[in-house]
N, C-alpha and C. Protein backbone atom coordinates (compact mmCIF):
# COMPACT_ATOMS: atom_id res chain seq x y z
N MET A 1 79.72 -32.84 -96.65
CA MET A 1 79.26 -32.07 -95.52
C MET A 1 78.25 -31.02 -95.96
N LEU A 2 78.52 -30.36 -97.06
CA LEU A 2 77.61 -29.34 -97.56
C LEU A 2 76.30 -29.94 -98.03
N ASP A 3 76.32 -31.19 -98.47
CA ASP A 3 75.10 -31.78 -99.00
C ASP A 3 74.08 -32.06 -97.91
N ASN A 4 74.48 -31.95 -96.64
CA ASN A 4 73.55 -32.13 -95.53
C ASN A 4 72.72 -30.89 -95.27
N VAL A 5 73.09 -29.77 -95.86
CA VAL A 5 72.38 -28.51 -95.64
C VAL A 5 71.23 -28.43 -96.62
N VAL A 6 70.04 -28.26 -96.09
CA VAL A 6 68.84 -28.16 -96.93
C VAL A 6 68.56 -26.70 -97.18
N SER A 7 68.24 -26.38 -98.40
CA SER A 7 67.98 -24.99 -98.78
C SER A 7 66.56 -24.85 -99.27
N GLY A 8 65.92 -23.76 -98.89
CA GLY A 8 64.61 -23.44 -99.43
C GLY A 8 64.71 -23.15 -100.91
N GLN A 9 65.84 -22.60 -101.33
CA GLN A 9 66.03 -22.30 -102.74
C GLN A 9 66.22 -23.56 -103.56
N GLN A 10 66.56 -24.66 -102.88
CA GLN A 10 66.74 -25.91 -103.60
C GLN A 10 65.41 -26.38 -104.16
N LYS A 11 64.30 -25.99 -103.49
CA LYS A 11 62.98 -26.39 -103.94
C LYS A 11 62.58 -25.66 -105.22
N SER A 12 63.03 -24.43 -105.35
CA SER A 12 62.75 -23.68 -106.57
C SER A 12 64.07 -23.26 -107.19
N GLN A 13 64.20 -23.42 -108.47
CA GLN A 13 65.45 -23.11 -109.16
C GLN A 13 65.74 -21.63 -109.03
N ARG A 14 67.00 -21.31 -108.67
CA ARG A 14 67.39 -19.91 -108.61
C ARG A 14 68.22 -19.60 -109.84
N SER A 15 68.21 -18.36 -110.22
CA SER A 15 68.96 -18.00 -111.43
C SER A 15 70.43 -17.83 -111.11
N GLY A 16 71.29 -18.03 -112.09
CA GLY A 16 72.73 -17.86 -111.93
C GLY A 16 73.09 -16.42 -111.62
N GLU A 17 72.25 -15.47 -112.05
CA GLU A 17 72.54 -14.06 -111.80
C GLU A 17 72.49 -13.74 -110.33
N VAL A 18 71.56 -14.34 -109.59
CA VAL A 18 71.44 -14.08 -108.16
C VAL A 18 72.72 -14.52 -107.46
N GLY A 19 73.22 -15.71 -107.78
CA GLY A 19 74.44 -16.21 -107.16
C GLY A 19 75.63 -15.34 -107.48
N SER A 20 75.74 -14.87 -108.72
CA SER A 20 76.89 -14.05 -109.08
C SER A 20 76.81 -12.68 -108.43
N ASP A 21 75.59 -12.13 -108.28
CA ASP A 21 75.43 -10.86 -107.57
C ASP A 21 75.86 -11.01 -106.12
N GLN A 22 75.46 -12.11 -105.51
CA GLN A 22 75.82 -12.35 -104.12
C GLN A 22 77.34 -12.50 -103.98
N ARG A 23 77.97 -13.19 -104.90
CA ARG A 23 79.43 -13.35 -104.84
C ARG A 23 80.12 -12.01 -105.01
N ARG A 24 79.61 -11.16 -105.91
CA ARG A 24 80.21 -9.83 -106.10
C ARG A 24 80.07 -9.01 -104.82
N GLN A 25 78.91 -9.08 -104.18
CA GLN A 25 78.72 -8.34 -102.93
C GLN A 25 79.66 -8.85 -101.85
N GLN A 26 79.83 -10.16 -101.76
CA GLN A 26 80.74 -10.73 -100.76
C GLN A 26 82.17 -10.31 -101.05
N HIS A 27 82.54 -10.29 -102.32
CA HIS A 27 83.89 -9.88 -102.69
C HIS A 27 84.13 -8.42 -102.32
N ARG A 28 83.14 -7.56 -102.62
CA ARG A 28 83.28 -6.14 -102.27
C ARG A 28 83.38 -5.96 -100.77
N ALA A 29 82.59 -6.71 -100.01
CA ALA A 29 82.63 -6.60 -98.55
C ALA A 29 83.99 -7.06 -98.02
N ALA A 30 84.52 -8.15 -98.60
CA ALA A 30 85.84 -8.63 -98.17
C ALA A 30 86.91 -7.60 -98.50
N SER A 31 86.81 -6.97 -99.65
CA SER A 31 87.78 -5.94 -100.02
C SER A 31 87.73 -4.76 -99.06
N ARG A 32 86.51 -4.38 -98.67
CA ARG A 32 86.37 -3.27 -97.71
C ARG A 32 86.98 -3.64 -96.37
N ARG A 33 86.75 -4.87 -95.92
CA ARG A 33 87.31 -5.30 -94.63
C ARG A 33 88.84 -5.30 -94.67
N GLU A 34 89.41 -5.77 -95.78
CA GLU A 34 90.86 -5.76 -95.91
C GLU A 34 91.40 -4.34 -95.91
N ALA A 35 90.70 -3.42 -96.55
CA ALA A 35 91.14 -2.02 -96.57
C ALA A 35 91.08 -1.42 -95.17
N VAL A 36 90.04 -1.76 -94.40
CA VAL A 36 89.93 -1.26 -93.03
C VAL A 36 91.10 -1.77 -92.19
N ALA A 37 91.42 -3.05 -92.36
CA ALA A 37 92.54 -3.62 -91.59
C ALA A 37 93.85 -2.93 -91.95
N ARG A 38 94.08 -2.68 -93.24
CA ARG A 38 95.32 -2.01 -93.66
C ARG A 38 95.39 -0.59 -93.09
N ARG A 39 94.26 0.12 -93.16
CA ARG A 39 94.24 1.50 -92.63
C ARG A 39 94.47 1.51 -91.13
N SER A 40 93.86 0.57 -90.42
CA SER A 40 94.04 0.57 -88.97
C SER A 40 95.48 0.27 -88.59
N ASN A 41 96.15 -0.58 -89.37
CA ASN A 41 97.57 -0.83 -89.10
C ASN A 41 98.41 0.42 -89.34
N ARG A 42 98.06 1.21 -90.37
CA ARG A 42 98.81 2.44 -90.65
C ARG A 42 98.54 3.49 -89.57
N VAL A 43 97.29 3.61 -89.15
CA VAL A 43 96.92 4.64 -88.19
C VAL A 43 97.41 4.29 -86.79
N TYR A 44 97.15 3.06 -86.35
CA TYR A 44 97.46 2.69 -84.98
C TYR A 44 98.79 1.97 -84.84
N GLY A 45 99.37 1.56 -85.95
CA GLY A 45 100.61 0.80 -85.90
C GLY A 45 100.31 -0.67 -85.66
N ALA A 46 101.06 -1.51 -86.30
CA ALA A 46 100.81 -2.94 -86.20
C ALA A 46 101.04 -3.47 -84.79
N GLY A 47 101.91 -2.84 -84.01
CA GLY A 47 102.23 -3.33 -82.68
C GLY A 47 101.28 -2.87 -81.60
N SER A 48 100.37 -1.95 -81.90
CA SER A 48 99.50 -1.41 -80.85
C SER A 48 98.29 -2.30 -80.57
N PHE A 49 98.07 -3.32 -81.35
CA PHE A 49 96.90 -4.14 -81.23
C PHE A 49 97.31 -5.59 -81.45
N ASP A 50 97.00 -6.45 -80.53
CA ASP A 50 97.38 -7.85 -80.66
C ASP A 50 96.29 -8.59 -81.42
N ALA A 51 96.44 -8.61 -82.73
CA ALA A 51 95.42 -9.22 -83.60
C ALA A 51 95.27 -10.71 -83.32
N ARG A 52 96.37 -11.39 -83.09
CA ARG A 52 96.27 -12.84 -82.84
C ARG A 52 95.46 -13.14 -81.58
N ALA A 53 95.68 -12.34 -80.54
CA ALA A 53 94.93 -12.54 -79.29
C ALA A 53 93.44 -12.29 -79.53
N HIS A 54 93.13 -11.26 -80.31
CA HIS A 54 91.73 -10.97 -80.60
C HIS A 54 91.09 -12.10 -81.41
N VAL A 55 91.82 -12.61 -82.37
CA VAL A 55 91.31 -13.71 -83.20
C VAL A 55 91.08 -14.95 -82.34
N ARG A 56 92.04 -15.28 -81.47
CA ARG A 56 91.87 -16.45 -80.59
C ARG A 56 90.63 -16.29 -79.71
N LYS A 57 90.46 -15.09 -79.15
CA LYS A 57 89.30 -14.83 -78.30
C LYS A 57 88.01 -14.94 -79.11
N ALA A 58 88.01 -14.43 -80.32
CA ALA A 58 86.81 -14.50 -81.17
C ALA A 58 86.45 -15.96 -81.45
N ILE A 59 87.43 -16.79 -81.69
CA ILE A 59 87.16 -18.20 -81.97
C ILE A 59 86.59 -18.89 -80.73
N VAL A 60 87.17 -18.61 -79.57
CA VAL A 60 86.65 -19.18 -78.32
C VAL A 60 85.22 -18.71 -78.08
N ASP A 61 84.98 -17.41 -78.28
CA ASP A 61 83.63 -16.87 -78.10
C ASP A 61 82.65 -17.52 -79.09
N ALA A 62 83.06 -17.63 -80.34
CA ALA A 62 82.18 -18.24 -81.35
C ALA A 62 81.86 -19.69 -80.99
N ASP A 63 82.85 -20.42 -80.49
CA ASP A 63 82.60 -21.80 -80.07
C ASP A 63 81.59 -21.86 -78.93
N SER A 64 81.70 -20.90 -78.01
CA SER A 64 80.74 -20.85 -76.89
C SER A 64 79.34 -20.57 -77.41
N PHE A 65 79.21 -19.60 -78.31
CA PHE A 65 77.90 -19.31 -78.89
C PHE A 65 77.36 -20.51 -79.66
N ARG A 66 78.25 -21.20 -80.33
CA ARG A 66 77.84 -22.38 -81.11
C ARG A 66 77.29 -23.46 -80.20
N LYS A 67 77.95 -23.70 -79.07
CA LYS A 67 77.48 -24.72 -78.12
C LYS A 67 76.09 -24.38 -77.58
N LEU A 68 75.83 -23.08 -77.47
CA LEU A 68 74.52 -22.63 -77.00
C LEU A 68 73.51 -22.53 -78.15
N ARG A 69 73.96 -22.89 -79.35
CA ARG A 69 73.16 -22.83 -80.57
C ARG A 69 72.72 -21.41 -80.91
N LEU A 70 73.55 -20.45 -80.54
CA LEU A 70 73.35 -19.05 -80.89
C LEU A 70 74.15 -18.77 -82.16
N PHE A 71 73.71 -19.40 -83.24
CA PHE A 71 74.47 -19.34 -84.49
C PHE A 71 74.66 -17.93 -85.04
N PRO A 72 73.62 -17.09 -85.03
CA PRO A 72 73.84 -15.73 -85.57
C PRO A 72 74.94 -14.98 -84.80
N LYS A 73 74.98 -15.15 -83.50
CA LYS A 73 76.00 -14.47 -82.69
C LYS A 73 77.39 -15.06 -82.98
N ALA A 74 77.47 -16.37 -83.15
CA ALA A 74 78.75 -17.00 -83.48
C ALA A 74 79.26 -16.53 -84.83
N ILE A 75 78.35 -16.44 -85.80
CA ILE A 75 78.71 -15.99 -87.15
C ILE A 75 79.16 -14.54 -87.12
N GLU A 76 78.43 -13.71 -86.39
CA GLU A 76 78.80 -12.30 -86.27
C GLU A 76 80.19 -12.14 -85.65
N THR A 77 80.46 -12.91 -84.62
CA THR A 77 81.76 -12.86 -83.94
C THR A 77 82.89 -13.21 -84.91
N LEU A 78 82.68 -14.22 -85.73
CA LEU A 78 83.72 -14.62 -86.68
C LEU A 78 83.86 -13.61 -87.81
N HIS A 79 82.76 -12.98 -88.22
CA HIS A 79 82.86 -11.94 -89.25
C HIS A 79 83.69 -10.76 -88.74
N ILE A 80 83.52 -10.42 -87.49
CA ILE A 80 84.31 -9.34 -86.91
C ILE A 80 85.79 -9.75 -86.88
N ALA A 81 86.06 -10.99 -86.52
CA ALA A 81 87.45 -11.48 -86.52
C ALA A 81 88.03 -11.46 -87.93
N LEU A 82 87.20 -11.72 -88.94
CA LEU A 82 87.69 -11.68 -90.32
C LEU A 82 88.05 -10.26 -90.75
N GLU A 83 87.45 -9.27 -90.13
CA GLU A 83 87.83 -7.89 -90.43
C GLU A 83 89.27 -7.63 -89.99
N ILE A 84 89.70 -8.32 -88.97
CA ILE A 84 91.07 -8.17 -88.47
C ILE A 84 92.03 -9.04 -89.27
N ASP A 85 91.61 -10.26 -89.56
CA ASP A 85 92.49 -11.20 -90.27
C ASP A 85 91.68 -11.92 -91.37
N PRO A 86 91.47 -11.25 -92.50
CA PRO A 86 90.60 -11.81 -93.55
C PRO A 86 91.17 -13.06 -94.23
N ARG A 87 92.44 -13.35 -94.04
CA ARG A 87 93.04 -14.51 -94.69
C ARG A 87 93.27 -15.68 -93.72
N SER A 88 92.62 -15.62 -92.58
CA SER A 88 92.79 -16.67 -91.57
C SER A 88 92.05 -17.94 -91.98
N LEU A 89 92.80 -19.01 -92.14
CA LEU A 89 92.19 -20.30 -92.47
C LEU A 89 91.38 -20.82 -91.29
N GLU A 90 91.88 -20.59 -90.10
CA GLU A 90 91.19 -21.08 -88.91
C GLU A 90 89.82 -20.43 -88.74
N ILE A 91 89.76 -19.12 -88.91
CA ILE A 91 88.48 -18.41 -88.78
C ILE A 91 87.52 -18.86 -89.88
N ARG A 92 88.00 -18.90 -91.10
CA ARG A 92 87.13 -19.26 -92.22
C ARG A 92 86.64 -20.71 -92.11
N SER A 93 87.50 -21.59 -91.65
CA SER A 93 87.09 -22.98 -91.47
C SER A 93 86.02 -23.10 -90.39
N ARG A 94 86.22 -22.39 -89.29
CA ARG A 94 85.25 -22.41 -88.20
C ARG A 94 83.93 -21.79 -88.67
N LEU A 95 84.01 -20.70 -89.41
CA LEU A 95 82.81 -20.05 -89.93
C LEU A 95 82.05 -21.00 -90.86
N ARG A 96 82.78 -21.68 -91.71
CA ARG A 96 82.16 -22.64 -92.63
C ARG A 96 81.41 -23.73 -91.85
N ASP A 97 82.04 -24.27 -90.82
CA ASP A 97 81.41 -25.31 -90.01
C ASP A 97 80.12 -24.82 -89.35
N ILE A 98 80.17 -23.59 -88.83
CA ILE A 98 78.99 -23.05 -88.16
C ILE A 98 77.88 -22.76 -89.17
N LEU A 99 78.25 -22.27 -90.34
CA LEU A 99 77.24 -22.02 -91.39
C LEU A 99 76.56 -23.33 -91.80
N ILE A 100 77.33 -24.39 -91.91
CA ILE A 100 76.76 -25.70 -92.24
C ILE A 100 75.82 -26.15 -91.14
N GLU A 101 76.30 -26.06 -89.90
CA GLU A 101 75.50 -26.50 -88.76
C GLU A 101 74.21 -25.69 -88.61
N SER A 102 74.27 -24.42 -88.95
CA SER A 102 73.10 -23.55 -88.81
C SER A 102 72.11 -23.70 -89.97
N GLY A 103 72.53 -24.40 -91.03
CA GLY A 103 71.64 -24.61 -92.17
C GLY A 103 71.73 -23.55 -93.24
N ASP A 104 72.74 -22.68 -93.17
CA ASP A 104 72.92 -21.63 -94.17
C ASP A 104 73.70 -22.20 -95.35
N ARG A 105 72.97 -22.82 -96.26
CA ARG A 105 73.59 -23.51 -97.40
C ARG A 105 74.41 -22.56 -98.27
N GLU A 106 73.81 -21.44 -98.65
CA GLU A 106 74.51 -20.49 -99.53
C GLU A 106 75.75 -19.91 -98.85
N GLY A 107 75.62 -19.56 -97.58
CA GLY A 107 76.77 -19.04 -96.84
C GLY A 107 77.87 -20.08 -96.72
N ALA A 108 77.50 -21.33 -96.47
CA ALA A 108 78.47 -22.40 -96.34
C ALA A 108 79.20 -22.64 -97.66
N ILE A 109 78.46 -22.60 -98.76
CA ILE A 109 79.08 -22.78 -100.07
C ILE A 109 80.05 -21.64 -100.35
N ALA A 110 79.62 -20.41 -100.09
CA ALA A 110 80.49 -19.25 -100.34
C ALA A 110 81.75 -19.33 -99.49
N GLU A 111 81.61 -19.72 -98.24
CA GLU A 111 82.78 -19.79 -97.36
C GLU A 111 83.69 -20.95 -97.75
N THR A 112 83.12 -22.03 -98.27
CA THR A 112 83.93 -23.14 -98.76
C THR A 112 84.78 -22.69 -99.94
N VAL A 113 84.19 -21.92 -100.84
CA VAL A 113 84.94 -21.39 -101.99
C VAL A 113 86.02 -20.42 -101.51
N ASN A 114 85.69 -19.56 -100.54
CA ASN A 114 86.69 -18.64 -99.98
C ASN A 114 87.86 -19.41 -99.38
N LEU A 115 87.55 -20.45 -98.64
CA LEU A 115 88.58 -21.26 -98.01
C LEU A 115 89.46 -21.94 -99.07
N ALA A 116 88.84 -22.47 -100.10
CA ALA A 116 89.59 -23.10 -101.18
C ALA A 116 90.49 -22.09 -101.88
N ALA A 117 89.99 -20.88 -102.08
CA ALA A 117 90.78 -19.82 -102.73
C ALA A 117 92.02 -19.48 -101.89
N LEU A 118 91.86 -19.45 -100.58
CA LEU A 118 93.01 -19.18 -99.71
C LEU A 118 94.03 -20.30 -99.80
N PHE A 119 93.56 -21.53 -99.83
CA PHE A 119 94.49 -22.66 -99.98
C PHE A 119 95.23 -22.58 -101.31
N LEU A 120 94.50 -22.25 -102.38
CA LEU A 120 95.14 -22.12 -103.69
C LEU A 120 96.16 -20.99 -103.70
N ASP A 121 95.83 -19.87 -103.05
CA ASP A 121 96.78 -18.75 -102.96
C ASP A 121 98.08 -19.17 -102.27
N ARG A 122 97.96 -20.11 -101.34
CA ARG A 122 99.13 -20.59 -100.60
C ARG A 122 99.80 -21.76 -101.32
N GLY A 123 99.23 -22.15 -102.47
CA GLY A 123 99.81 -23.25 -103.24
C GLY A 123 99.44 -24.62 -102.71
N ASP A 124 98.45 -24.71 -101.87
CA ASP A 124 98.05 -25.98 -101.25
C ASP A 124 96.86 -26.58 -102.00
N VAL A 125 97.15 -27.15 -103.16
CA VAL A 125 96.11 -27.73 -104.02
C VAL A 125 95.46 -28.93 -103.34
N ALA A 126 96.22 -29.67 -102.56
CA ALA A 126 95.69 -30.86 -101.89
C ALA A 126 94.56 -30.53 -100.93
N GLN A 127 94.59 -29.36 -100.32
CA GLN A 127 93.52 -28.93 -99.42
C GLN A 127 92.37 -28.29 -100.19
N ALA A 128 92.69 -27.57 -101.25
CA ALA A 128 91.67 -26.82 -102.00
C ALA A 128 90.78 -27.72 -102.85
N GLU A 129 91.38 -28.69 -103.50
CA GLU A 129 90.63 -29.50 -104.45
C GLU A 129 89.43 -30.22 -103.85
N PRO A 130 89.55 -30.89 -102.70
CA PRO A 130 88.37 -31.57 -102.15
C PRO A 130 87.25 -30.58 -101.77
N LEU A 131 87.62 -29.40 -101.32
CA LEU A 131 86.61 -28.39 -100.98
C LEU A 131 85.85 -27.98 -102.24
N LEU A 132 86.57 -27.74 -103.31
CA LEU A 132 85.93 -27.33 -104.57
C LEU A 132 85.06 -28.45 -105.13
N ARG A 133 85.53 -29.68 -105.03
CA ARG A 133 84.73 -30.82 -105.51
C ARG A 133 83.45 -30.97 -104.69
N GLU A 134 83.54 -30.68 -103.40
CA GLU A 134 82.36 -30.74 -102.55
C GLU A 134 81.32 -29.70 -102.99
N VAL A 135 81.78 -28.50 -103.31
CA VAL A 135 80.87 -27.45 -103.77
C VAL A 135 80.21 -27.86 -105.08
N VAL A 136 81.00 -28.36 -106.03
CA VAL A 136 80.47 -28.75 -107.33
C VAL A 136 79.50 -29.94 -107.18
N THR A 137 79.72 -30.79 -106.20
CA THR A 137 78.83 -31.92 -105.96
C THR A 137 77.45 -31.44 -105.50
N VAL A 138 77.43 -30.47 -104.58
CA VAL A 138 76.13 -30.01 -104.07
C VAL A 138 75.50 -28.93 -104.93
N GLU A 139 76.32 -28.24 -105.72
CA GLU A 139 75.81 -27.21 -106.63
C GLU A 139 76.59 -27.30 -107.95
N PRO A 140 76.17 -28.22 -108.82
CA PRO A 140 76.94 -28.50 -110.05
C PRO A 140 77.21 -27.29 -110.94
N GLY A 141 76.37 -26.30 -110.93
CA GLY A 141 76.57 -25.15 -111.80
C GLY A 141 77.35 -24.02 -111.17
N HIS A 142 78.00 -24.26 -110.05
CA HIS A 142 78.71 -23.18 -109.35
C HIS A 142 79.91 -22.73 -110.18
N ALA A 143 79.80 -21.53 -110.74
CA ALA A 143 80.80 -21.03 -111.70
C ALA A 143 82.18 -20.86 -111.08
N ALA A 144 82.25 -20.25 -109.90
CA ALA A 144 83.56 -19.98 -109.29
C ALA A 144 84.29 -21.27 -108.95
N ALA A 145 83.57 -22.23 -108.36
CA ALA A 145 84.20 -23.50 -107.98
C ALA A 145 84.66 -24.26 -109.22
N THR A 146 83.83 -24.25 -110.26
CA THR A 146 84.19 -24.93 -111.50
C THR A 146 85.42 -24.30 -112.13
N ALA A 147 85.46 -22.97 -112.15
CA ALA A 147 86.62 -22.26 -112.73
C ALA A 147 87.88 -22.54 -111.94
N MET A 148 87.76 -22.57 -110.63
CA MET A 148 88.93 -22.83 -109.79
C MET A 148 89.42 -24.27 -109.98
N LEU A 149 88.48 -25.19 -110.14
CA LEU A 149 88.88 -26.60 -110.37
C LEU A 149 89.61 -26.75 -111.70
N GLU A 150 89.20 -25.98 -112.68
CA GLU A 150 89.88 -26.04 -113.98
C GLU A 150 91.33 -25.55 -113.87
N GLN A 151 91.61 -24.67 -112.93
CA GLN A 151 92.97 -24.16 -112.73
C GLN A 151 93.84 -25.18 -112.03
N VAL A 152 93.21 -26.08 -111.29
CA VAL A 152 93.96 -27.07 -110.50
C VAL A 152 94.46 -28.14 -111.35
């Protein structure tokens, strides 16, 4: 699925440092989102906000934007939902699909690795391994995917 995404960077070789910088930035952003979610639960209480309802609505909204081919709006909607539930497989899977459909190769690869990492955290190697193999197929030098595959 990822191999269908054409990248402008595919035409010119990119350095490994750029990819690792981007992964570090994504990791820091994810950490910040998780911290915001933890703080909001402490401040407002876990029962004062129906996170599941918000996530369901975000997915429905993102699907509507996707049908209208408003990919940036669909992606933004799912990123906001990830701030509430950063470990949601459903949100991350939907985000990955939209990134692929929109042609964002790098974003799709990063989200595929994130999704695989969540599966591995849950002990679901059967789901994680094909995702990691897909990443390594389209980007053979992908360090994170290769390292994760070695753990499997």
